[in-house]
């Protein structure tokens, strides 16, 4: 573990507990009041770590400080993660996104708005990997230090949305057979670095749309308010006035944070609540369940329930 970008001591310093070791990989558990998750970290080359992140939690507090030059490649398979995109600015990595980072701003609270995040991270100690990769694969051309320069990585991450051209690499990493795991990890990490070495950086600066922290806090407050009062009906204009945020930024910020519109999120919230009510009390009528989540018409409620849940309330 001494040659990994994250040492065992650093994992432990972040509150992670070692669960198991197996064939060059270590499984770490994270746990707090918002949930728990695991990180499976594997050393694929000296100075190169590949980790699989499976988190079912609302947030995680981190005070990691690199102390050396790192190149970190994050891929999101499912869920969403909030990250710092600038001074008092927040942005979101979502499924299919590729994020390049130096971990210069990797402290504070990282939020997972949908309370789950699944993805992988390839972390390279730039100096050590620059020596070990050519030793493992003669004349290997991709130098992590050069990639940092090529993609103009600074204090904040660069995110590339819907990186379809590179998706096959990550797909094969997620589906690696157990007995071929480490050899395949090595091949795919090399392929990933070669792809980045050949890739032309896009003309934009790779920064995702970001929002001021105050806007995000208001989006969270709107979500909490609606979840607490599912039977009440509020227009989006009324929500905009109530929480002191202009209508268009309110809509776009809520969608960025939670991955769906306010209306779609509220419908799902109501249907989940209705399902809980119906399961808890088998004698509850569909009309009563509908009324408790804001529907005056049982037929409209039934149609919405079928669309969201894939079955009728009576099934």
C-alpha atoms as a PDB file:
ATOM      1  CA  UNK A   1       0.000   0.000   0.000  1.00  0.00           C
ATOM      2  CA  UNK A   2       2.994   2.331   0.376  1.00  0.00           C
ATOM      3  CA  UNK A   3       3.106   3.062  -3.364  1.00  0.00           C
ATOM      4  CA  UNK A   4      -0.594   3.832  -3.772  1.00  0.00           C
ATOM      5  CA  UNK A   5      -1.713   7.441  -4.324  1.00  0.00           C
ATOM      6  CA  UNK A   6      -3.849   6.954  -1.202  1.00  0.00           C
ATOM      7  CA  UNK A   7      -2.081   5.070   1.556  1.00  0.00           C
ATOM      8  CA  UNK A   8      -3.756   2.885   4.155  1.00  0.00           C
ATOM      9  CA  UNK A   9      -3.117   5.600   6.719  1.00  0.00           C
ATOM     10  CA  UNK A  10      -4.881   8.161   4.549  1.00  0.00           C
ATOM     11  CA  UNK A  11      -7.930   5.935   4.155  1.00  0.00           C
ATOM     12  CA  UNK A  12      -8.073   5.490   7.924  1.00  0.00           C
ATOM     13  CA  UNK A  13      -7.668   9.233   8.464  1.00  0.00           C
ATOM     14  CA  UNK A  14     -10.878   9.752   6.470  1.00  0.00           C
ATOM     15  CA  UNK A  15     -12.750   7.445   8.829  1.00  0.00           C
ATOM     16  CA  UNK A  16     -12.681   4.397   6.559  1.00  0.00           C
ATOM     17  CA  UNK A  17     -12.598   0.935   8.137  1.00  0.00           C
ATOM     18  CA  UNK A  18     -10.795  -1.924   6.411  1.00  0.00           C
ATOM     19  CA  UNK A  19     -13.203  -4.773   5.731  1.00  0.00           C
ATOM     20  CA  UNK A  20     -11.129  -7.192   3.642  1.00  0.00           C
ATOM     21  CA  UNK A  21      -8.098  -7.740   1.437  1.00  0.00           C
ATOM     22  CA  UNK A  22      -8.118  -9.924  -1.637  1.00  0.00           C
ATOM     23  CA  UNK A  23      -5.562 -10.313  -4.415  1.00  0.00           C
ATOM     24  CA  UNK A  24      -4.038  -6.842  -4.374  1.00  0.00           C
ATOM     25  CA  UNK A  25      -7.324  -5.095  -3.526  1.00  0.00           C
ATOM     26  CA  UNK A  26      -8.636  -3.715  -0.241  1.00  0.00           C
ATOM     27  CA  UNK A  27     -12.269  -3.066   0.636  1.00  0.00           C
ATOM     28  CA  UNK A  28     -12.916  -0.007   2.807  1.00  0.00           C
ATOM     29  CA  UNK A  29     -16.175   0.928   4.488  1.00  0.00           C
ATOM     30  CA  UNK A  30     -17.429   4.480   4.974  1.00  0.00           C
ATOM     31  CA  UNK A  31     -20.245   5.197   7.394  1.00  0.00           C
ATOM     32  CA  UNK A  32     -21.953   8.265   8.852  1.00  0.00           C
ATOM     33  CA  UNK A  33     -25.425   9.442   9.866  1.00  0.00           C
ATOM     34  CA  UNK A  34     -26.519   9.752   6.224  1.00  0.00           C
ATOM     35  CA  UNK A  35     -25.690   6.153   5.250  1.00  0.00           C
ATOM     36  CA  UNK A  36     -22.768   3.959   4.321  1.00  0.00           C
ATOM     37  CA  UNK A  37     -20.724   2.765   1.384  1.00  0.00           C
ATOM     38  CA  UNK A  38     -17.664   0.855   0.258  1.00  0.00           C
ATOM     39  CA  UNK A  39     -14.562   1.677  -1.740  1.00  0.00           C
ATOM     40  CA  UNK A  40     -12.687  -1.237  -3.298  1.00  0.00           C
ATOM     41  CA  UNK A  41      -9.159  -0.019  -4.018  1.00  0.00           C
ATOM     42  CA  UNK A  42      -6.655  -1.948  -6.142  1.00  0.00           C
ATOM     43  CA  UNK A  43      -3.029  -1.195  -6.938  1.00  0.00           C
ATOM     44  CA  UNK A  44      -2.641  -1.786 -10.670  1.00  0.00           C
ATOM     45  CA  UNK A  45       0.865  -0.315 -11.063  1.00  0.00           C
ATOM     46  CA  UNK A  46       3.194   1.422  -8.620  1.00  0.00           C
ATOM     47  CA  UNK A  47       1.655   4.836  -8.125  1.00  0.00           C
ATOM     48  CA  UNK A  48      -1.606   3.885  -9.848  1.00  0.00           C
ATOM     49  CA  UNK A  49      -4.761   2.959  -7.953  1.00  0.00           C
ATOM     50  CA  UNK A  50      -8.132   1.949  -9.344  1.00  0.00           C
ATOM     51  CA  UNK A  51     -11.081   2.131  -6.962  1.00  0.00           C
ATOM     52  CA  UNK A  52     -14.749   1.222  -7.274  1.00  0.00           C
ATOM     53  CA  UNK A  53     -17.018   3.496  -5.269  1.00  0.00           C
ATOM     54  CA  UNK A  54     -20.425   2.222  -4.140  1.00  0.00           C
ATOM     55  CA  UNK A  55     -21.988   4.767  -1.827  1.00  0.00           C
ATOM     56  CA  UNK A  56     -25.468   4.854  -0.331  1.00  0.00           C
ATOM     57  CA  UNK A  57     -25.229   8.025   1.693  1.00  0.00           C
ATOM     58  CA  UNK A  58     -26.321  11.634   1.517  1.00  0.00           C
ATOM     59  CA  UNK A  59     -22.905  13.147   2.134  1.00  0.00           C
ATOM     60  CA  UNK A  60     -19.343  12.450   3.140  1.00  0.00           C
ATOM     61  CA  UNK A  61     -16.941  14.750   4.979  1.00  0.00           C
ATOM     62  CA  UNK A  62     -13.364  14.689   3.747  1.00  0.00           C
ATOM     63  CA  UNK A  63     -10.190  16.508   4.740  1.00  0.00           C
ATOM     64  CA  UNK A  64      -7.830  14.788   2.283  1.00  0.00           C
ATOM     65  CA  UNK A  65      -4.738  16.780   1.335  1.00  0.00           C
ATOM     66  CA  UNK A  66      -2.713  15.448  -1.583  1.00  0.00           C
ATOM     67  CA  UNK A  67       0.734  16.714  -0.658  1.00  0.00           C
ATOM     68  CA  UNK A  68       1.986  15.622  -4.080  1.00  0.00           C
ATOM     69  CA  UNK A  69       1.032  15.924  -7.731  1.00  0.00           C
ATOM     70  CA  UNK A  70      -1.948  13.726  -8.566  1.00  0.00           C
ATOM     71  CA  UNK A  71      -3.932  13.016 -11.698  1.00  0.00           C
ATOM     72  CA  UNK A  72      -7.357  11.653 -10.758  1.00  0.00           C
ATOM     73  CA  UNK A  73      -9.899  10.366 -13.271  1.00  0.00           C
ATOM     74  CA  UNK A  74     -13.448   9.926 -11.966  1.00  0.00           C
ATOM     75  CA  UNK A  75     -16.257   8.222 -13.872  1.00  0.00           C
ATOM     76  CA  UNK A  76     -19.863   8.252 -12.661  1.00  0.00           C
ATOM     77  CA  UNK A  77     -21.882   5.168 -13.478  1.00  0.00           C
ATOM     78  CA  UNK A  78     -25.009   6.012 -11.512  1.00  0.00           C
ATOM     79  CA  UNK A  79     -26.192   8.764  -9.168  1.00  0.00           C
ATOM     80  CA  UNK A  80     -24.893  12.290  -8.701  1.00  0.00           C
ATOM     81  CA  UNK A  81     -22.062  13.946  -6.791  1.00  0.00           C
ATOM     82  CA  UNK A  82     -21.706  17.597  -5.870  1.00  0.00           C
ATOM     83  CA  UNK A  83     -18.262  19.165  -6.112  1.00  0.00           C
ATOM     84  CA  UNK A  84     -16.640  22.560  -5.795  1.00  0.00           C
ATOM     85  CA  UNK A  85     -16.375  24.201  -9.221  1.00  0.00           C
ATOM     86  CA  UNK A  86     -14.975  27.557  -8.132  1.00  0.00           C
ATOM     87  CA  UNK A  87     -15.074  30.085  -5.351  1.00  0.00           C
ATOM     88  CA  UNK A  88     -18.496  29.635  -3.709  1.00  0.00           C
ATOM     89  CA  UNK A  89     -19.666  27.672  -6.776  1.00  0.00           C
ATOM     90  CA  UNK A  90     -21.040  24.122  -6.938  1.00  0.00           C
ATOM     91  CA  UNK A  91     -21.547  21.743  -9.868  1.00  0.00           C
ATOM     92  CA  UNK A  92     -22.659  18.138 -10.313  1.00  0.00           C
ATOM     93  CA  UNK A  93     -21.180  15.029 -11.856  1.00  0.00           C
ATOM     94  CA  UNK A  94     -23.844  12.675 -13.200  1.00  0.00           C
ATOM     95  CA  UNK A  95     -24.038   9.289 -14.908  1.00  0.00           C
ATOM     96  CA  UNK A  96     -21.756   9.097 -17.940  1.00  0.00           C
ATOM     97  CA  UNK A  97     -19.592  12.058 -16.913  1.00  0.00           C
ATOM     98  CA  UNK A  98     -15.796  11.966 -16.868  1.00  0.00           C
ATOM     99  CA  UNK A  99     -14.042  14.227 -14.365  1.00  0.00           C
ATOM    100  CA  UNK A 100     -10.333  15.090 -14.380  1.00  0.00           C
ATOM    101  CA  UNK A 101      -8.916  16.487 -11.177  1.00  0.00           C
ATOM    102  CA  UNK A 102      -5.720  17.104  -9.199  1.00  0.00           C
ATOM    103  CA  UNK A 103      -7.488  16.872  -5.811  1.00  0.00           C
ATOM    104  CA  UNK A 104      -6.351  20.358  -4.906  1.00  0.00           C
ATOM    105  CA  UNK A 105      -9.785  21.182  -3.458  1.00  0.00           C
ATOM    106  CA  UNK A 106     -10.768  17.842  -1.979  1.00  0.00           C
ATOM    107  CA  UNK A 107     -11.809  18.937   1.486  1.00  0.00           C
ATOM    108  CA  UNK A 108     -15.157  19.666   3.065  1.00  0.00           C
ATOM    109  CA  UNK A 109     -18.530  18.034   2.587  1.00  0.00           C
ATOM    110  CA  UNK A 110     -19.255  16.121  -0.614  1.00  0.00           C
ATOM    111  CA  UNK A 111     -22.976  15.681  -1.164  1.00  0.00           C
ATOM    112  CA  UNK A 112     -24.808  12.951  -3.072  1.00  0.00           C
ATOM    113  CA  UNK A 113     -28.224  14.545  -3.747  1.00  0.00           C
ATOM    114  CA  UNK A 114     -29.928  11.268  -4.687  1.00  0.00           C
ATOM    115  CA  UNK A 115     -28.299   9.511  -1.688  1.00  0.00           C
ATOM    116  CA  UNK A 116     -26.357   7.102  -3.878  1.00  0.00           C
ATOM    117  CA  UNK A 117     -23.315   7.237  -6.112  1.00  0.00           C
ATOM    118  CA  UNK A 118     -21.638   4.456  -8.082  1.00  0.00           C
ATOM    119  CA  UNK A 119     -18.518   4.929 -10.135  1.00  0.00           C
ATOM    120  CA  UNK A 120     -14.796   4.380 -10.341  1.00  0.00           C
ATOM    121  CA  UNK A 121     -11.647   6.398  -9.799  1.00  0.00           C
ATOM    122  CA  UNK A 122      -8.237   5.991 -11.401  1.00  0.00           C
ATOM    123  CA  UNK A 123      -5.755   7.877  -9.227  1.00  0.00           C
ATOM    124  CA  UNK A 124      -2.143   8.392 -10.292  1.00  0.00           C
ATOM    125  CA  UNK A 125       0.777   9.735  -8.335  1.00  0.00           C
ATOM    126  CA  UNK A 126       2.075  11.707 -11.322  1.00  0.00           C
ATOM    127  CA  UNK A 127       5.799  11.398 -10.594  1.00  0.00           C
ATOM    128  CA  UNK A 128       5.774   7.754  -9.539  1.00  0.00           C
ATOM    129  CA  UNK A 129       3.437   6.661 -12.338  1.00  0.00           C
ATOM    130  CA  UNK A 130       5.551   8.501 -14.910  1.00  0.00           C
ATOM    131  CA  UNK A 131       8.407   6.149 -13.946  1.00  0.00           C
ATOM    132  CA  UNK A 132       6.484   2.918 -13.367  1.00  0.00           C
ATOM    133  CA  UNK A 133       4.307   2.881 -16.490  1.00  0.00           C
ATOM    134  CA  UNK A 134       7.188   2.851 -19.033  1.00  0.00           C
ATOM    135  CA  UNK A 135       8.848   0.123 -16.949  1.00  0.00           C
ATOM    136  CA  UNK A 136       5.694  -1.994 -17.131  1.00  0.00           C
ATOM    137  CA  UNK A 137       5.042  -1.265 -20.807  1.00  0.00           C
ATOM    138  CA  UNK A 138       8.084  -0.285 -22.827  1.00  0.00           C
ATOM    139  CA  UNK A 139       7.879   3.120 -24.520  1.00  0.00           C
ATOM    140  CA  UNK A 140       4.452   3.805 -23.069  1.00  0.00           C
ATOM    141  CA  UNK A 141       3.735   7.329 -24.349  1.00  0.00           C
ATOM    142  CA  UNK A 142       1.100   8.672 -21.955  1.00  0.00           C
ATOM    143  CA  UNK A 143       2.723  10.667 -19.154  1.00  0.00           C
ATOM    144  CA  UNK A 144       0.319  11.764 -16.382  1.00  0.00           C
ATOM    145  CA  UNK A 145       2.302  14.975 -15.916  1.00  0.00           C
ATOM    146  CA  UNK A 146       1.799  15.818 -19.588  1.00  0.00           C
ATOM    147  CA  UNK A 147      -1.929  15.044 -19.309  1.00  0.00           C
ATOM    148  CA  UNK A 148      -2.230  17.523 -16.444  1.00  0.00           C
ATOM    149  CA  UNK A 149      -0.706  20.174 -18.697  1.00  0.00           C
ATOM    150  CA  UNK A 150      -2.675  19.128 -21.774  1.00  0.00           C
ATOM    151  CA  UNK A 151      -6.054  19.426 -20.050  1.00  0.00           C
ATOM    152  CA  UNK A 152      -5.001  22.592 -18.218  1.00  0.00           C
ATOM    153  CA  UNK A 153      -5.927  21.170 -14.823  1.00  0.00           C
ATOM    154  CA  UNK A 154      -5.802  23.743 -12.059  1.00  0.00           C
ATOM    155  CA  UNK A 155      -7.371  24.019  -8.643  1.00  0.00           C
ATOM    156  CA  UNK A 156     -10.799  22.860  -9.777  1.00  0.00           C
ATOM    157  CA  UNK A 157     -11.940  19.782 -11.742  1.00  0.00           C
ATOM    158  CA  UNK A 158     -12.798  19.630 -15.419  1.00  0.00           C
ATOM    159  CA  UNK A 159     -15.870  17.599 -16.328  1.00  0.00           C
ATOM    160  CA  UNK A 160     -16.756  16.159 -19.711  1.00  0.00           C
ATOM    161  CA  UNK A 161     -20.416  15.220 -20.050  1.00  0.00           C
ATOM    162  CA  UNK A 162     -21.659  12.070 -21.765  1.00  0.00           C
ATOM    163  CA  UNK A 163     -18.195  10.762 -22.630  1.00  0.00           C
ATOM    164  CA  UNK A 164     -19.620   8.104 -24.962  1.00  0.00           C
ATOM    165  CA  UNK A 165     -16.405   7.499 -26.899  1.00  0.00           C
ATOM    166  CA  UNK A 166     -14.712   6.289 -23.738  1.00  0.00           C
ATOM    167  CA  UNK A 167     -17.692   4.519 -22.170  1.00  0.00           C
ATOM    168  CA  UNK A 168     -16.628   1.050 -23.382  1.00  0.00           C
ATOM    169  CA  UNK A 169     -13.463   1.212 -21.269  1.00  0.00           C
ATOM    170  CA  UNK A 170     -15.391   1.870 -18.090  1.00  0.00           C
ATOM    171  CA  UNK A 171     -18.063  -0.682 -18.987  1.00  0.00           C
ATOM    172  CA  UNK A 172     -15.457  -3.439 -19.232  1.00  0.00           C
ATOM    173  CA  UNK A 173     -13.885  -2.364 -15.950  1.00  0.00           C
ATOM    174  CA  UNK A 174     -17.233  -2.606 -14.127  1.00  0.00           C
ATOM    175  CA  UNK A 175     -17.859  -6.067 -15.580  1.00  0.00           C
ATOM    176  CA  UNK A 176     -14.386  -7.560 -15.100  1.00  0.00           C
ATOM    177  CA  UNK A 177     -14.500 -11.307 -14.233  1.00  0.00           C
ATOM    178  CA  UNK A 178     -13.050 -12.012 -10.812  1.00  0.00           C
ATOM    179  CA  UNK A 179     -10.268 -14.310 -12.044  1.00  0.00           C
ATOM    180  CA  UNK A 180      -9.150 -11.785 -14.675  1.00  0.00           C
ATOM    181  CA  UNK A 181      -9.638  -8.731 -12.523  1.00  0.00           C
ATOM    182  CA  UNK A 182      -6.119  -7.359 -12.002  1.00  0.00           C
ATOM    183  CA  UNK A 183      -4.754  -8.133 -15.504  1.00  0.00           C
ATOM    184  CA  UNK A 184      -7.830  -6.538 -17.061  1.00  0.00           C
ATOM    185  CA  UNK A 185      -7.572  -3.544 -14.733  1.00  0.00           C
ATOM    186  CA  UNK A 186      -4.001  -2.966 -15.894  1.00  0.00           C
ATOM    187  CA  UNK A 187      -4.904  -3.193 -19.570  1.00  0.00           C
ATOM    188  CA  UNK A 188      -7.884  -0.866 -19.204  1.00  0.00           C
ATOM    189  CA  UNK A 189      -5.998   1.749 -17.210  1.00  0.00           C
ATOM    190  CA  UNK A 190      -3.363   1.805 -19.950  1.00  0.00           C
ATOM    191  CA  UNK A 191      -6.101   2.094 -22.577  1.00  0.00           C
ATOM    192  CA  UNK A 192      -7.736   4.925 -20.643  1.00  0.00           C
ATOM    193  CA  UNK A 193      -4.470   6.867 -20.457  1.00  0.00           C
ATOM    194  CA  UNK A 194      -3.782   6.286 -24.151  1.00  0.00           C
ATOM    195  CA  UNK A 195      -7.261   7.554 -24.992  1.00  0.00           C
ATOM    196  CA  UNK A 196      -6.691  10.735 -22.979  1.00  0.00           C
ATOM    197  CA  UNK A 197      -3.268  11.145 -24.560  1.00  0.00           C
ATOM    198  CA  UNK A 198      -4.842  11.019 -28.047  1.00  0.00           C
ATOM    199  CA  UNK A 199      -7.948  13.008 -27.157  1.00  0.00           C
ATOM    200  CA  UNK A 200      -8.241  16.583 -28.337  1.00  0.00           C
ATOM    201  CA  UNK A 201      -9.429  18.735 -25.434  1.00  0.00           C
ATOM    202  CA  UNK A 202     -12.803  20.290 -26.276  1.00  0.00           C
ATOM    203  CA  UNK A 203     -12.969  23.944 -27.138  1.00  0.00           C
ATOM    204  CA  UNK A 204     -14.909  24.788 -23.990  1.00  0.00           C
ATOM    205  CA  UNK A 205     -13.044  24.850 -20.709  1.00  0.00           C
ATOM    206  CA  UNK A 206     -14.565  21.587 -19.468  1.00  0.00           C
ATOM    207  CA  UNK A 207     -16.384  23.272 -16.631  1.00  0.00           C
ATOM    208  CA  UNK A 208     -19.904  22.076 -15.972  1.00  0.00           C
ATOM    209  CA  UNK A 209     -22.718  24.590 -15.439  1.00  0.00           C
ATOM    210  CA  UNK A 210     -22.359  25.732 -11.870  1.00  0.00           C
ATOM    211  CA  UNK A 211     -24.525  27.453  -9.283  1.00  0.00           C
ATOM    212  CA  UNK A 212     -23.863  29.715  -6.355  1.00  0.00           C
ATOM    213  CA  UNK A 213     -23.969  27.981  -3.009  1.00  0.00           C
ATOM    214  CA  UNK A 214     -26.944  30.124  -1.958  1.00  0.00           C
ATOM    215  CA  UNK A 215     -28.925  28.901  -4.987  1.00  0.00           C
ATOM    216  CA  UNK A 216     -28.164  25.284  -4.129  1.00  0.00           C
ATOM    217  CA  UNK A 217     -29.194  25.848  -0.512  1.00  0.00           C
ATOM    218  CA  UNK A 218     -32.532  27.227  -1.721  1.00  0.00           C
ATOM    219  CA  UNK A 219     -33.046  24.239  -4.028  1.00  0.00           C
ATOM    220  CA  UNK A 220     -32.457  21.956  -1.042  1.00  0.00           C
ATOM    221  CA  UNK A 221     -34.897  23.977   1.052  1.00  0.00           C
ATOM    222  CA  UNK A 222     -37.551  23.708  -1.664  1.00  0.00           C
ATOM    223  CA  UNK A 223     -37.090  19.943  -1.808  1.00  0.00           C
ATOM    224  CA  UNK A 224     -37.362  19.618   1.983  1.00  0.00           C
ATOM    225  CA  UNK A 225     -40.477  21.823   2.045  1.00  0.00           C
ATOM    226  CA  UNK A 226     -42.233  19.820  -0.673  1.00  0.00           C
ATOM    227  CA  UNK A 227     -41.291  16.497   0.950  1.00  0.00           C
ATOM    228  CA  UNK A 228     -42.736  17.700   4.254  1.00  0.00           C
ATOM    229  CA  UNK A 229     -46.005  18.859   2.683  1.00  0.00           C
ATOM    230  CA  UNK A 230     -46.833  16.378  -0.114  1.00  0.00           C
ATOM    231  CA  UNK A 231     -50.595  17.045   0.096  1.00  0.00           C
ATOM    232  CA  UNK A 232     -50.221  20.771  -0.508  1.00  0.00           C
ATOM    233  CA  UNK A 233     -50.215  22.186  -4.016  1.00  0.00           C
ATOM    234  CA  UNK A 234     -47.850  25.026  -4.855  1.00  0.00           C
ATOM    235  CA  UNK A 235     -47.141  26.588  -8.229  1.00  0.00           C
ATOM    236  CA  UNK A 236     -43.520  27.036  -9.180  1.00  0.00           C
ATOM    237  CA  UNK A 237     -44.100  30.780  -9.243  1.00  0.00           C
ATOM    238  CA  UNK A 238     -45.262  30.594  -5.629  1.00  0.00           C
ATOM    239  CA  UNK A 239     -42.197  28.558  -4.663  1.00  0.00           C
ATOM    240  CA  UNK A 240     -39.993  31.115  -6.398  1.00  0.00           C
ATOM    241  CA  UNK A 241     -41.518  33.927  -4.339  1.00  0.00           C
ATOM    242  CA  UNK A 242     -41.550  31.950  -1.098  1.00  0.00           C
ATOM    243  CA  UNK A 243     -37.852  31.055  -1.257  1.00  0.00           C
ATOM    244  CA  UNK A 244     -36.598  34.258  -2.847  1.00  0.00           C
ATOM    245  CA  UNK A 245     -35.088  32.821  -6.000  1.00  0.00           C
ATOM    246  CA  UNK A 246     -35.910  33.787  -9.582  1.00  0.00           C
ATOM    247  CA  UNK A 247     -38.025  31.243 -11.460  1.00  0.00           C
ATOM    248  CA  UNK A 248     -35.575  30.240 -14.200  1.00  0.00           C
ATOM    249  CA  UNK A 249     -32.534  29.794 -11.897  1.00  0.00           C
ATOM    250  CA  UNK A 250     -34.770  27.891  -9.471  1.00  0.00           C
ATOM    251  CA  UNK A 251     -35.798  25.415 -12.170  1.00  0.00           C
ATOM    252  CA  UNK A 252     -32.312  24.931 -13.606  1.00  0.00           C
ATOM    253  CA  UNK A 253     -30.634  24.664 -10.200  1.00  0.00           C
ATOM    254  CA  UNK A 254     -33.141  22.110  -8.902  1.00  0.00           C
ATOM    255  CA  UNK A 255     -32.666  19.991 -12.037  1.00  0.00           C
ATOM    256  CA  UNK A 256     -28.868  20.217 -11.744  1.00  0.00           C
ATOM    257  CA  UNK A 257     -28.894  19.154  -8.097  1.00  0.00           C
ATOM    258  CA  UNK A 258     -31.485  16.358  -8.280  1.00  0.00           C
ATOM    259  CA  UNK A 259     -31.355  15.308 -11.922  1.00  0.00           C
ATOM    260  CA  UNK A 260     -35.019  16.006 -12.662  1.00  0.00           C
ATOM    261  CA  UNK A 261     -37.530  18.820 -12.725  1.00  0.00           C
ATOM    262  CA  UNK A 262     -39.399  19.967  -9.631  1.00  0.00           C
ATOM    263  CA  UNK A 263     -42.631  18.496 -11.020  1.00  0.00           C
ATOM    264  CA  UNK A 264     -41.114  15.101 -11.818  1.00  0.00           C
ATOM    265  CA  UNK A 265     -39.373  14.921  -8.439  1.00  0.00           C
ATOM    266  CA  UNK A 266     -42.592  15.865  -6.590  1.00  0.00           C
ATOM    267  CA  UNK A 267     -44.661  13.277  -8.447  1.00  0.00           C
ATOM    268  CA  UNK A 268     -42.144  10.570  -7.519  1.00  0.00           C
ATOM    269  CA  UNK A 269     -42.083  11.760  -3.914  1.00  0.00           C
ATOM    270  CA  UNK A 270     -45.889  11.615  -3.725  1.00  0.00           C
ATOM    271  CA  UNK A 271     -46.083   8.159  -5.258  1.00  0.00           C
ATOM    272  CA  UNK A 272     -43.430   6.816  -2.874  1.00  0.00           C
ATOM    273  CA  UNK A 273     -45.364   8.281   0.047  1.00  0.00           C
ATOM    274  CA  UNK A 274     -48.644   6.835  -1.229  1.00  0.00           C
ATOM    275  CA  UNK A 275     -47.061   3.404  -1.595  1.00  0.00           C
ATOM    276  CA  UNK A 276     -45.866   3.581   2.020  1.00  0.00           C
ATOM    277  CA  UNK A 277     -49.368   4.518   3.197  1.00  0.00           C
ATOM    278  CA  UNK A 278     -51.050   1.716   1.254  1.00  0.00           C
ATOM    279  CA  UNK A 279     -48.562  -0.890   2.482  1.00  0.00           C
ATOM    280  CA  UNK A 280     -48.875   0.272   6.088  1.00  0.00           C
ATOM    281  CA  UNK A 281     -52.686   0.181   6.083  1.00  0.00           C
ATOM    282  CA  UNK A 282     -54.299  -2.376   3.791  1.00  0.00           C
ATOM    283  CA  UNK A 283     -57.744  -0.984   4.622  1.00  0.00           C
ATOM    284  CA  UNK A 284     -56.863   2.494   3.313  1.00  0.00           C
ATOM    285  CA  UNK A 285     -58.845   3.352   0.204  1.00  0.00           C
ATOM    286  CA  UNK A 286     -57.173   4.571  -2.954  1.00  0.00           C
ATOM    287  CA  UNK A 287     -59.181   7.804  -2.695  1.00  0.00           C
ATOM    288  CA  UNK A 288     -57.871   8.435   0.845  1.00  0.00           C
ATOM    289  CA  UNK A 289     -54.288   7.680  -0.183  1.00  0.00           C
ATOM    290  CA  UNK A 290     -54.672  10.032  -3.136  1.00  0.00           C
ATOM    291  CA  UNK A 291     -55.974  12.831  -0.912  1.00  0.00           C
ATOM    292  CA  UNK A 292     -53.064  12.462   1.512  1.00  0.00           C
ATOM    293  CA  UNK A 293     -50.570  13.135  -1.282  1.00  0.00           C
ATOM    294  CA  UNK A 294     -52.420  16.009  -2.929  1.00  0.00           C
ATOM    295  CA  UNK A 295     -54.704  14.352  -5.500  1.00  0.00           C
ATOM    296  CA  UNK A 296     -58.404  15.237  -5.535  1.00  0.00           C
ATOM    297  CA  UNK A 297     -59.089  12.784  -8.369  1.00  0.00           C
ATOM    298  CA  UNK A 298     -58.501   9.077  -7.623  1.00  0.00           C
ATOM    299  CA  UNK A 299     -58.343   8.346 -11.362  1.00  0.00           C
ATOM    300  CA  UNK A 300     -55.586  10.899 -11.941  1.00  0.00           C
ATOM    301  CA  UNK A 301     -53.754   9.532  -8.922  1.00  0.00           C
ATOM    302  CA  UNK A 302     -54.057   5.973 -10.236  1.00  0.00           C
ATOM    303  CA  UNK A 303     -52.723   7.032 -13.644  1.00  0.00           C
ATOM    304  CA  UNK A 304     -49.754   8.832 -12.042  1.00  0.00           C
ATOM    305  CA  UNK A 305     -49.074   5.876  -9.731  1.00  0.00           C
ATOM    306  CA  UNK A 306     -49.044   3.431 -12.658  1.00  0.00           C
ATOM    307  CA  UNK A 307     -46.731   5.697 -14.678  1.00  0.00           C
ATOM    308  CA  UNK A 308     -44.211   6.110 -11.854  1.00  0.00           C
ATOM    309  CA  UNK A 309     -44.406   2.759 -10.057  1.00  0.00           C
ATOM    310  CA  UNK A 310     -45.196   0.497 -13.023  1.00  0.00           C
ATOM    311  CA  UNK A 311     -48.348  -0.918 -11.385  1.00  0.00           C
ATOM    312  CA  UNK A 312     -51.686   0.285 -10.075  1.00  0.00           C
ATOM    313  CA  UNK A 313     -52.218   1.179  -6.396  1.00  0.00           C
ATOM    314  CA  UNK A 314     -54.419  -1.886  -5.919  1.00  0.00           C
ATOM    315  CA  UNK A 315     -51.853  -4.372  -7.234  1.00  0.00           C
END
